[in-house]
Protein backbone atom coordinates (compact mmCIF):
# COMPACT_ATOMS: atom_id res chain seq x y z
CA ALA A 1 3.49 4.15 -39.84
CA LEU A 2 3.40 0.83 -37.97
CA ARG A 3 6.97 1.37 -36.76
CA VAL A 4 6.03 4.83 -35.39
CA ALA A 5 2.98 3.37 -33.63
CA TRP A 6 5.12 0.68 -31.94
CA LEU A 7 7.66 3.29 -30.90
CA ALA A 8 4.89 5.40 -29.35
CA VAL A 9 3.48 2.40 -27.45
CA ALA A 10 6.95 1.42 -26.17
CA THR A 11 7.59 4.98 -25.00
CA LEU A 12 4.29 5.08 -23.09
CA VAL A 13 4.95 1.70 -21.46
CA LEU A 14 8.45 2.75 -20.36
CA ALA A 15 7.16 6.07 -19.06
CA GLY A 16 4.48 4.25 -17.05
CA CYS A 17 7.06 1.92 -15.52
CA ALA A 18 9.25 4.86 -14.56
CA THR A 19 6.43 6.51 -12.62
CA MET A 20 5.26 3.42 -10.69
CA THR A 21 5.05 3.86 -6.94
CA VAL A 22 8.20 2.79 -5.14
CA ASN A 23 6.93 3.56 -1.61
CA THR A 24 3.94 1.94 0.08
CA ILE A 25 2.45 3.37 3.27
CA THR A 26 0.05 0.98 5.02
CA ASN A 27 -2.07 2.30 7.88
CA LEU A 28 -2.16 -0.31 10.68
CA THR A 29 -4.27 1.84 13.03
CA PRO A 30 -7.89 0.69 13.42
CA SER A 31 -10.57 3.10 12.21
CA ARG A 32 -12.46 2.74 15.53
CA LEU A 33 -11.16 2.33 19.06
CA PRO A 34 -12.79 2.19 22.49
CA ARG A 35 -12.06 5.09 24.84
CA LYS A 36 -9.17 4.53 27.27
CA ASP A 37 -8.91 5.97 30.76
CA ASN A 38 -5.39 7.28 30.13
CA GLY A 39 -6.28 8.97 26.80
CA GLN A 40 -3.21 7.46 25.03
CA TYR A 41 -3.75 5.73 21.67
CA MET A 42 -1.35 3.71 19.55
CA PHE A 43 -0.88 4.81 15.94
CA SER A 44 0.86 2.24 13.72
CA VAL A 45 2.03 2.25 10.13
CA ALA A 46 4.16 0.18 7.79
CA PHE A 47 6.50 1.78 5.27
CA ASP A 48 7.83 -0.40 2.47
CA THR A 49 10.02 0.82 -0.34
CA ARG A 50 11.55 -0.59 -3.50
CA GLN A 51 13.84 2.42 -3.79
CA ARG A 52 17.35 0.95 -3.67
CA THR A 53 19.10 4.27 -3.19
CA ILE A 54 17.36 5.10 0.10
CA LEU A 55 19.58 5.53 3.15
CA LYS A 56 17.62 3.30 5.54
CA GLU A 57 19.15 4.81 8.69
CA SER A 58 17.86 8.25 7.64
CA ILE A 59 14.14 7.30 7.64
CA GLN A 60 12.03 9.33 10.07
CA ALA A 61 8.32 8.78 10.58
CA THR A 62 5.67 11.02 12.11
CA VAL A 63 1.91 10.96 12.51
CA ILE A 64 0.38 14.37 11.88
CA ILE A 65 -2.81 15.32 13.72
CA GLY A 66 -3.97 18.84 13.02
CA GLU A 67 -0.92 21.09 13.38
CA ARG A 68 0.96 18.64 15.64
CA ALA A 69 3.49 16.06 14.50
CA TYR A 70 4.26 13.09 16.76
CA THR A 71 7.54 11.26 16.23
CA MET A 72 7.16 7.55 15.59
CA GLU A 73 9.63 4.81 16.55
CA ARG A 74 10.62 1.81 14.47
CA THR A 75 9.51 -1.48 16.08
CA PRO A 76 12.33 -3.84 17.06
CA LEU A 77 10.92 -7.01 15.48
CA VAL A 78 9.53 -5.54 12.24
CA PRO A 79 11.83 -2.80 10.91
CA SER A 80 9.26 -1.58 8.36
CA ARG A 81 6.69 -0.94 11.13
CA TRP A 82 6.49 2.34 13.07
CA GLU A 83 4.45 3.18 16.19
CA THR A 84 3.78 5.97 18.68
CA LEU A 85 1.38 6.76 21.48
CA VAL A 86 -0.65 9.94 20.99
CA PRO A 87 -2.70 11.74 23.65
CA VAL A 88 -6.25 12.49 22.55
CA PRO A 89 -8.48 14.74 24.69
CA GLU A 90 -11.54 13.06 26.17
CA ASP A 91 -13.94 15.45 24.41
CA GLN A 92 -12.50 14.66 20.97
CA HIS A 93 -14.54 11.89 19.30
CA LEU A 94 -12.83 11.90 15.91
CA VAL A 95 -9.21 12.36 14.86
CA ASN A 96 -8.09 13.19 11.32
CA TYR A 97 -4.47 12.22 10.68
CA ARG A 98 -1.85 11.28 8.12
CA PHE A 99 1.61 9.77 8.20
CA ARG A 100 4.76 11.44 6.93
CA PHE A 101 8.06 9.78 6.07
CA GLN A 102 11.24 11.76 5.51
CA TYR A 103 14.44 10.16 4.28
CA ASP A 104 17.62 10.74 2.34
CA TYR A 105 18.59 8.93 -0.83
CA LYS A 106 21.64 8.71 -3.04
CA ALA A 107 21.39 10.76 -6.21
CA MET A 108 24.20 11.57 -8.56
CA PRO A 109 26.35 13.32 -7.52
CA ASP A 110 25.01 13.97 -4.00
CA ILE A 111 22.42 12.96 -1.39
CA ARG A 112 18.90 14.37 -1.58
CA ALA A 113 15.97 14.53 0.83
CA MET A 114 12.48 13.17 0.18
CA VAL A 115 9.18 13.68 2.02
CA VAL A 116 6.29 11.27 1.44
CA ASP A 117 2.83 11.77 2.96
CA SER A 118 0.10 9.16 3.25
CA LYS A 119 -3.48 9.86 2.36
CA ASP A 120 -5.72 11.25 5.12
CA TYR A 121 -7.28 8.87 7.64
CA GLN A 122 -9.87 9.11 10.45
CA LEU A 123 -9.95 7.46 13.85
CA GLN A 124 -13.28 7.40 15.67
CA PHE A 125 -13.63 6.72 19.39
CA ASP A 126 -16.47 4.64 20.78
CA ALA A 127 -18.19 6.02 23.85
CA PRO A 128 -17.67 3.91 26.97
CA TRP A 129 -20.66 1.76 27.83
C-alpha cells in the first residue's frame, strides 16, 4: 500500500512539472497615461519562453484592442521586448486590450503553430489639466 501511495505521489508531481508554464507574457504598458496631442500611445510587452523547440524567427506579436490587431515590432536592444504605437480616439477614456503571440515550434515529425494570449488589461487616460 505504501508503494502504491508513493507511485501516486510521483505521478502527480511529474504531471505537475509537465504542465508548468513555459511562456511568460509581461505587460510593460502603464495602466494610466496622460493624453497626448497626437493620440498615439506606446504599448509594450515582454515575451519570455523556456520552450527550447520554438523557432525564434517565427515569433509574431500583436496587441488586440476590440476587434483590431496591431502588429508589434521586436526592440533592437532587448529581443524579448515588443512595442507598437496605437492610435486611440480622443473621446475614448479607457482601452481594454490583450497581447497575442504566434510562433512555430519543432514537434516530431513536423513543425506546429502555437497561439498564446495574455490576460486582459486596461489602459486609462488622464484628462489634460
